[in-house]
Amino acid sequence: VHEAEKYFYELTSETFKEAHIHAVSRAVIWSVELISNSDQWEQYSFKLNGIIEDAFLKKYPH
């Protein structure tokens, strides 16, 4: 039973984390300038965008 509880906790934690990243990343698009002062930008992936925004919100809560 203990192993099942541990596995369930791991699954639900990962699912919650993914859902949180998904929700956070929908509001903001982070990108990187490819060459300085070139006006060429590349957007981060959807998942990475959510991770960046989540970290930003933890550092600068609204």
PDB file of N, CA and C in Angstrom:
ATOM      1  N   VAL A   1       0.831  -1.197   0.000  1.00  0.00           N
ATOM      2  CA  VAL A   1       0.000   0.000   0.000  1.00  0.00           C
ATOM      3  C   VAL A   1       0.872   1.257   0.000  1.00  0.00           C
ATOM      4  N   HIS A   2       1.947   1.237   0.742  1.00  0.00           N
ATOM      5  CA  HIS A   2       2.834   2.400   0.818  1.00  0.00           C
ATOM      6  C   HIS A   2       3.401   2.748  -0.556  1.00  0.00           C
ATOM      7  N   GLU A   3       3.811   1.732  -1.312  1.00  0.00           N
ATOM      8  CA  GLU A   3       4.353   1.976  -2.653  1.00  0.00           C
ATOM      9  C   GLU A   3       3.295   2.574  -3.572  1.00  0.00           C
ATOM     10  N   ALA A   4       2.063   2.117  -3.454  1.00  0.00           N
ATOM     11  CA  ALA A   4       0.970   2.649  -4.277  1.00  0.00           C
ATOM     12  C   ALA A   4       0.706   4.109  -3.928  1.00  0.00           C
ATOM     13  N   GLU A   5       0.714   4.438  -2.648  1.00  0.00           N
ATOM     14  CA  GLU A   5       0.515   5.826  -2.221  1.00  0.00           C
ATOM     15  C   GLU A   5       1.645   6.716  -2.736  1.00  0.00           C
ATOM     16  N   LYS A   6       2.853   6.221  -2.654  1.00  0.00           N
ATOM     17  CA  LYS A   6       4.011   6.978  -3.131  1.00  0.00           C
ATOM     18  C   LYS A   6       3.905   7.224  -4.638  1.00  0.00           C
ATOM     19  N   TYR A   7       3.544   6.193  -5.383  1.00  0.00           N
ATOM     20  CA  TYR A   7       3.396   6.316  -6.832  1.00  0.00           C
ATOM     21  C   TYR A   7       2.268   7.288  -7.180  1.00  0.00           C
ATOM     22  N   PHE A   8       1.152   7.190  -6.470  1.00  0.00           N
ATOM     23  CA  PHE A   8       0.024   8.102  -6.696  1.00  0.00           C
ATOM     24  C   PHE A   8       0.451   9.545  -6.438  1.00  0.00           C
ATOM     25  N   TYR A   9       1.180   9.779  -5.363  1.00  0.00           N
ATOM     26  CA  TYR A   9       1.657  11.121  -5.039  1.00  0.00           C
ATOM     27  C   TYR A   9       2.569  11.657  -6.143  1.00  0.00           C
ATOM     28  N   GLU A  10       3.465  10.816  -6.648  1.00  0.00           N
ATOM     29  CA  GLU A  10       4.369  11.242  -7.724  1.00  0.00           C
ATOM     30  C   GLU A  10       3.594  11.618  -8.980  1.00  0.00           C
ATOM     31  N   LEU A  11       2.604  10.801  -9.330  1.00  0.00           N
ATOM     32  CA  LEU A  11       1.799  11.088 -10.522  1.00  0.00           C
ATOM     33  C   LEU A  11       0.991  12.371 -10.370  1.00  0.00           C
ATOM     34  N   THR A  12       0.341  12.535  -9.237  1.00  0.00           N
ATOM     35  CA  THR A  12      -0.485  13.730  -9.049  1.00  0.00           C
ATOM     36  C   THR A  12       0.373  14.981  -8.941  1.00  0.00           C
ATOM     37  N   SER A  13       1.544  14.870  -8.333  1.00  0.00           N
ATOM     38  CA  SER A  13       2.442  16.025  -8.238  1.00  0.00           C
ATOM     39  C   SER A  13       2.895  16.463  -9.622  1.00  0.00           C
ATOM     40  N   GLU A  14       3.272  15.511 -10.458  1.00  0.00           N
ATOM     41  CA  GLU A  14       3.727  15.828 -11.813  1.00  0.00           C
ATOM     42  C   GLU A  14       2.581  16.403 -12.641  1.00  0.00           C
ATOM     43  N   THR A  15       1.397  15.848 -12.494  1.00  0.00           N
ATOM     44  CA  THR A  15       0.228  16.348 -13.225  1.00  0.00           C
ATOM     45  C   THR A  15      -0.100  17.770 -12.802  1.00  0.00           C
ATOM     46  N   PHE A  16      -0.059  18.038 -11.505  1.00  0.00           N
ATOM     47  CA  PHE A  16      -0.330  19.385 -11.006  1.00  0.00           C
ATOM     48  C   PHE A  16       0.715  20.369 -11.517  1.00  0.00           C
ATOM     49  N   LYS A  17       1.976  19.954 -11.500  1.00  0.00           N
ATOM     50  CA  LYS A  17       3.057  20.818 -11.983  1.00  0.00           C
ATOM     51  C   LYS A  17       2.855  21.157 -13.459  1.00  0.00           C
ATOM     52  N   GLU A  18       2.530  20.169 -14.276  1.00  0.00           N
ATOM     53  CA  GLU A  18       2.302  20.396 -15.705  1.00  0.00           C
ATOM     54  C   GLU A  18       1.100  21.313 -15.932  1.00  0.00           C
ATOM     55  N   ALA A  19       0.034  21.111 -15.174  1.00  0.00           N
ATOM     56  CA  ALA A  19      -1.155  21.957 -15.312  1.00  0.00           C
ATOM     57  C   ALA A  19      -0.842  23.397 -14.920  1.00  0.00           C
ATOM     58  N   HIS A  20      -0.045  23.570 -13.878  1.00  0.00           N
ATOM     59  CA  HIS A  20       0.330  24.913 -13.433  1.00  0.00           C
ATOM     60  C   HIS A  20       1.169  25.614 -14.502  1.00  0.00           C
ATOM     61  N   ILE A  21       2.131  24.905 -15.056  1.00  0.00           N
ATOM     62  CA  ILE A  21       2.975  25.472 -16.117  1.00  0.00           C
ATOM     63  C   ILE A  21       2.120  25.851 -17.316  1.00  0.00           C
ATOM     64  N   HIS A  22       1.182  24.996 -17.662  1.00  0.00           N
ATOM     65  CA  HIS A  22       0.295  25.267 -18.795  1.00  0.00           C
ATOM     66  C   HIS A  22      -0.519  26.538 -18.551  1.00  0.00           C
ATOM     67  N   ALA A  23      -1.078  26.672 -17.365  1.00  0.00           N
ATOM     68  CA  ALA A  23      -1.909  27.839 -17.055  1.00  0.00           C
ATOM     69  C   ALA A  23      -1.086  29.122 -17.043  1.00  0.00           C
ATOM     70  N   VAL A  24       0.088  29.071 -16.456  1.00  0.00           N
ATOM     71  CA  VAL A  24       0.941  30.251 -16.351  1.00  0.00           C
ATOM     72  C   VAL A  24       1.438  30.695 -17.720  1.00  0.00           C
ATOM     73  N   SER A  25       1.794  29.748 -18.560  1.00  0.00           N
ATOM     74  CA  SER A  25       2.413  30.088 -19.842  1.00  0.00           C
ATOM     75  C   SER A  25       1.425  30.647 -20.854  1.00  0.00           C
ATOM     76  N   ARG A  26       0.146  30.557 -20.600  1.00  0.00           N
ATOM     77  CA  ARG A  26      -0.842  31.044 -21.557  1.00  0.00           C
ATOM     78  C   ARG A  26      -0.943  32.563 -21.568  1.00  0.00           C
ATOM     79  N   ALA A  27      -0.486  33.224 -20.523  1.00  0.00           N
ATOM     80  CA  ALA A  27      -0.663  34.668 -20.411  1.00  0.00           C
ATOM     81  C   ALA A  27       0.501  35.474 -20.989  1.00  0.00           C
ATOM     82  N   VAL A  28       1.690  34.908 -21.034  1.00  0.00           N
ATOM     83  CA  VAL A  28       2.890  35.654 -21.425  1.00  0.00           C
ATOM     84  C   VAL A  28       3.723  34.809 -22.385  1.00  0.00           C
ATOM     85  N   ILE A  29       4.376  35.471 -23.333  1.00  0.00           N
ATOM     86  CA  ILE A  29       5.276  34.773 -24.250  1.00  0.00           C
ATOM     87  C   ILE A  29       6.685  35.318 -24.034  1.00  0.00           C
ATOM     88  N   TRP A  30       7.579  34.459 -23.568  1.00  0.00           N
ATOM     89  CA  TRP A  30       8.974  34.820 -23.387  1.00  0.00           C
ATOM     90  C   TRP A  30       9.738  34.458 -24.652  1.00  0.00           C
ATOM     91  N   SER A  31      10.717  35.273 -24.988  1.00  0.00           N
ATOM     92  CA  SER A  31      11.528  35.010 -26.176  1.00  0.00           C
ATOM     93  C   SER A  31      12.942  35.526 -25.949  1.00  0.00           C
ATOM     94  N   VAL A  32      13.830  35.158 -26.857  1.00  0.00           N
ATOM     95  CA  VAL A  32      15.224  35.565 -26.766  1.00  0.00           C
ATOM     96  C   VAL A  32      15.618  36.233 -28.079  1.00  0.00           C
ATOM     97  N   GLU A  33      16.385  37.310 -27.969  1.00  0.00           N
ATOM     98  CA  GLU A  33      16.886  37.981 -29.166  1.00  0.00           C
ATOM     99  C   GLU A  33      18.075  37.170 -29.690  1.00  0.00           C
ATOM    100  N   LEU A  34      17.996  36.731 -30.926  1.00  0.00           N
ATOM    101  CA  LEU A  34      19.020  35.852 -31.487  1.00  0.00           C
ATOM    102  C   LEU A  34      20.354  36.556 -31.681  1.00  0.00           C
ATOM    103  N   ILE A  35      20.334  37.766 -32.215  1.00  0.00           N
ATOM    104  CA  ILE A  35      21.538  38.570 -32.414  1.00  0.00           C
ATOM    105  C   ILE A  35      21.249  39.948 -31.835  1.00  0.00           C
ATOM    106  N   SER A  36      22.149  40.458 -31.011  1.00  0.00           N
ATOM    107  CA  SER A  36      21.931  41.758 -30.373  1.00  0.00           C
ATOM    108  C   SER A  36      21.583  42.831 -31.387  1.00  0.00           C
ATOM    109  N   ASN A  37      20.566  43.602 -31.068  1.00  0.00           N
ATOM    110  CA  ASN A  37      20.098  44.723 -31.888  1.00  0.00           C
ATOM    111  C   ASN A  37      19.696  44.326 -33.311  1.00  0.00           C
ATOM    112  N   SER A  38      19.344  43.078 -33.517  1.00  0.00           N
ATOM    113  CA  SER A  38      18.976  42.618 -34.860  1.00  0.00           C
ATOM    114  C   SER A  38      17.466  42.574 -35.060  1.00  0.00           C
ATOM    115  N   ASP A  39      16.727  42.669 -33.989  1.00  0.00           N
ATOM    116  CA  ASP A  39      15.270  42.570 -34.038  1.00  0.00           C
ATOM    117  C   ASP A  39      14.815  41.185 -34.504  1.00  0.00           C
ATOM    118  N   GLN A  40      15.671  40.185 -34.321  1.00  0.00           N
ATOM    119  CA  GLN A  40      15.313  38.800 -34.619  1.00  0.00           C
ATOM    120  C   GLN A  40      15.112  38.066 -33.296  1.00  0.00           C
ATOM    121  N   TRP A  41      13.877  37.640 -33.069  1.00  0.00           N
ATOM    122  CA  TRP A  41      13.518  37.015 -31.807  1.00  0.00           C
ATOM    123  C   TRP A  41      13.018  35.596 -32.044  1.00  0.00           C
ATOM    124  N   GLU A  42      13.292  34.738 -31.086  1.00  0.00           N
ATOM    125  CA  GLU A  42      12.783  33.368 -31.136  1.00  0.00           C
ATOM    126  C   GLU A  42      12.030  33.096 -29.842  1.00  0.00           C
ATOM    127  N   GLN A  43      10.806  32.627 -29.962  1.00  0.00           N
ATOM    128  CA  GLN A  43      10.010  32.320 -28.782  1.00  0.00           C
ATOM    129  C   GLN A  43      10.488  31.014 -28.162  1.00  0.00           C
ATOM    130  N   TYR A  44      10.465  30.984 -26.829  1.00  0.00           N
ATOM    131  CA  TYR A  44      10.777  29.742 -26.134  1.00  0.00           C
ATOM    132  C   TYR A  44       9.637  28.759 -26.338  1.00  0.00           C
ATOM    133  N   SER A  45       9.925  27.482 -26.136  1.00  0.00           N
ATOM    134  CA  SER A  45       8.888  26.462 -26.261  1.00  0.00           C
ATOM    135  C   SER A  45       7.792  26.719 -25.233  1.00  0.00           C
ATOM    136  N   PHE A  46       6.637  26.152 -25.475  1.00  0.00           N
ATOM    137  CA  PHE A  46       5.491  26.330 -24.589  1.00  0.00           C
ATOM    138  C   PHE A  46       5.828  25.920 -23.159  1.00  0.00           C
ATOM    139  N   LYS A  47       6.470  24.764 -23.008  1.00  0.00           N
ATOM    140  CA  LYS A  47       6.798  24.274 -21.671  1.00  0.00           C
ATOM    141  C   LYS A  47       7.841  25.164 -20.995  1.00  0.00           C
ATOM    142  N   LEU A  48       8.897  25.507 -21.718  1.00  0.00           N
ATOM    143  CA  LEU A  48       9.940  26.360 -21.151  1.00  0.00           C
ATOM    144  C   LEU A  48       9.390  27.746 -20.829  1.00  0.00           C
ATOM    145  N   ASN A  49       8.504  28.237 -21.662  1.00  0.00           N
ATOM    146  CA  ASN A  49       7.859  29.520 -21.417  1.00  0.00           C
ATOM    147  C   ASN A  49       7.132  29.500 -20.067  1.00  0.00           C
ATOM    148  N   GLY A  50       6.422  28.424 -19.788  1.00  0.00           N
ATOM    149  CA  GLY A  50       5.713  28.297 -18.517  1.00  0.00           C
ATOM    150  C   GLY A  50       6.651  28.237 -17.332  1.00  0.00           C
ATOM    151  N   ILE A  51       7.761  27.534 -17.486  1.00  0.00           N
ATOM    152  CA  ILE A  51       8.742  27.434 -16.404  1.00  0.00           C
ATOM    153  C   ILE A  51       9.360  28.801 -16.114  1.00  0.00           C
ATOM    154  N   ILE A  52       9.699  29.540 -17.155  1.00  0.00           N
ATOM    155  CA  ILE A  52      10.276  30.879 -16.985  1.00  0.00           C
ATOM    156  C   ILE A  52       9.274  31.801 -16.301  1.00  0.00           C
ATOM    157  N   GLU A  53       8.044  31.804 -16.773  1.00  0.00           N
ATOM    158  CA  GLU A  53       7.030  32.688 -16.196  1.00  0.00           C
ATOM    159  C   GLU A  53       6.744  32.320 -14.750  1.00  0.00           C
ATOM    160  N   ASP A  54       6.715  31.038 -14.431  1.00  0.00           N
ATOM    161  CA  ASP A  54       6.494  30.594 -13.057  1.00  0.00           C
ATOM    162  C   ASP A  54       7.610  31.098 -12.151  1.00  0.00           C
ATOM    163  N   ALA A  55       8.853  30.984 -12.599  1.00  0.00           N
ATOM    164  CA  ALA A  55       9.990  31.473 -11.812  1.00  0.00           C
ATOM    165  C   ALA A  55       9.926  32.987 -11.646  1.00  0.00           C
ATOM    166  N   PHE A  56       9.550  33.687 -12.702  1.00  0.00           N
ATOM    167  CA  PHE A  56       9.432  35.142 -12.640  1.00  0.00           C
ATOM    168  C   PHE A  56       8.370  35.555 -11.620  1.00  0.00           C
ATOM    169  N   LEU A  57       7.227  34.874 -11.642  1.00  0.00           N
ATOM    170  CA  LEU A  57       6.149  35.217 -10.713  1.00  0.00           C
ATOM    171  C   LEU A  57       6.526  34.919  -9.268  1.00  0.00           C
ATOM    172  N   LYS A  58       7.347  33.895  -9.052  1.00  0.00           N
ATOM    173  CA  LYS A  58       7.799  33.595  -7.694  1.00  0.00           C
ATOM    174  C   LYS A  58       8.741  34.682  -7.191  1.00  0.00           C
ATOM    175  N   LYS A  59       9.549  35.234  -8.096  1.00  0.00           N
ATOM    176  CA  LYS A  59      10.499  36.277  -7.705  1.00  0.00           C
ATOM    177  C   LYS A  59       9.820  37.636  -7.564  1.00  0.00           C
ATOM    178  N   TYR A  60       8.873  37.917  -8.459  1.00  0.00           N
ATOM    179  CA  TYR A  60       8.174  39.200  -8.456  1.00  0.00           C
ATOM    180  C   TYR A  60       6.665  38.972  -8.421  1.00  0.00           C
ATOM    181  N   PRO A  61       6.131  38.571  -7.273  1.00  0.00           N
ATOM    182  CA  PRO A  61       4.683  38.309  -7.211  1.00  0.00           C
ATOM    183  C   PRO A  61       3.886  39.596  -7.405  1.00  0.00           C
ATOM    184  N   HIS A  62       2.752  39.468  -8.039  1.00  0.00           N
ATOM    185  CA  HIS A  62       1.901  40.634  -8.290  1.00  0.00           C
ATOM    186  C   HIS A  62       0.976  40.885  -7.138  1.00  0.00           C
TER     187      HIS A  62
END
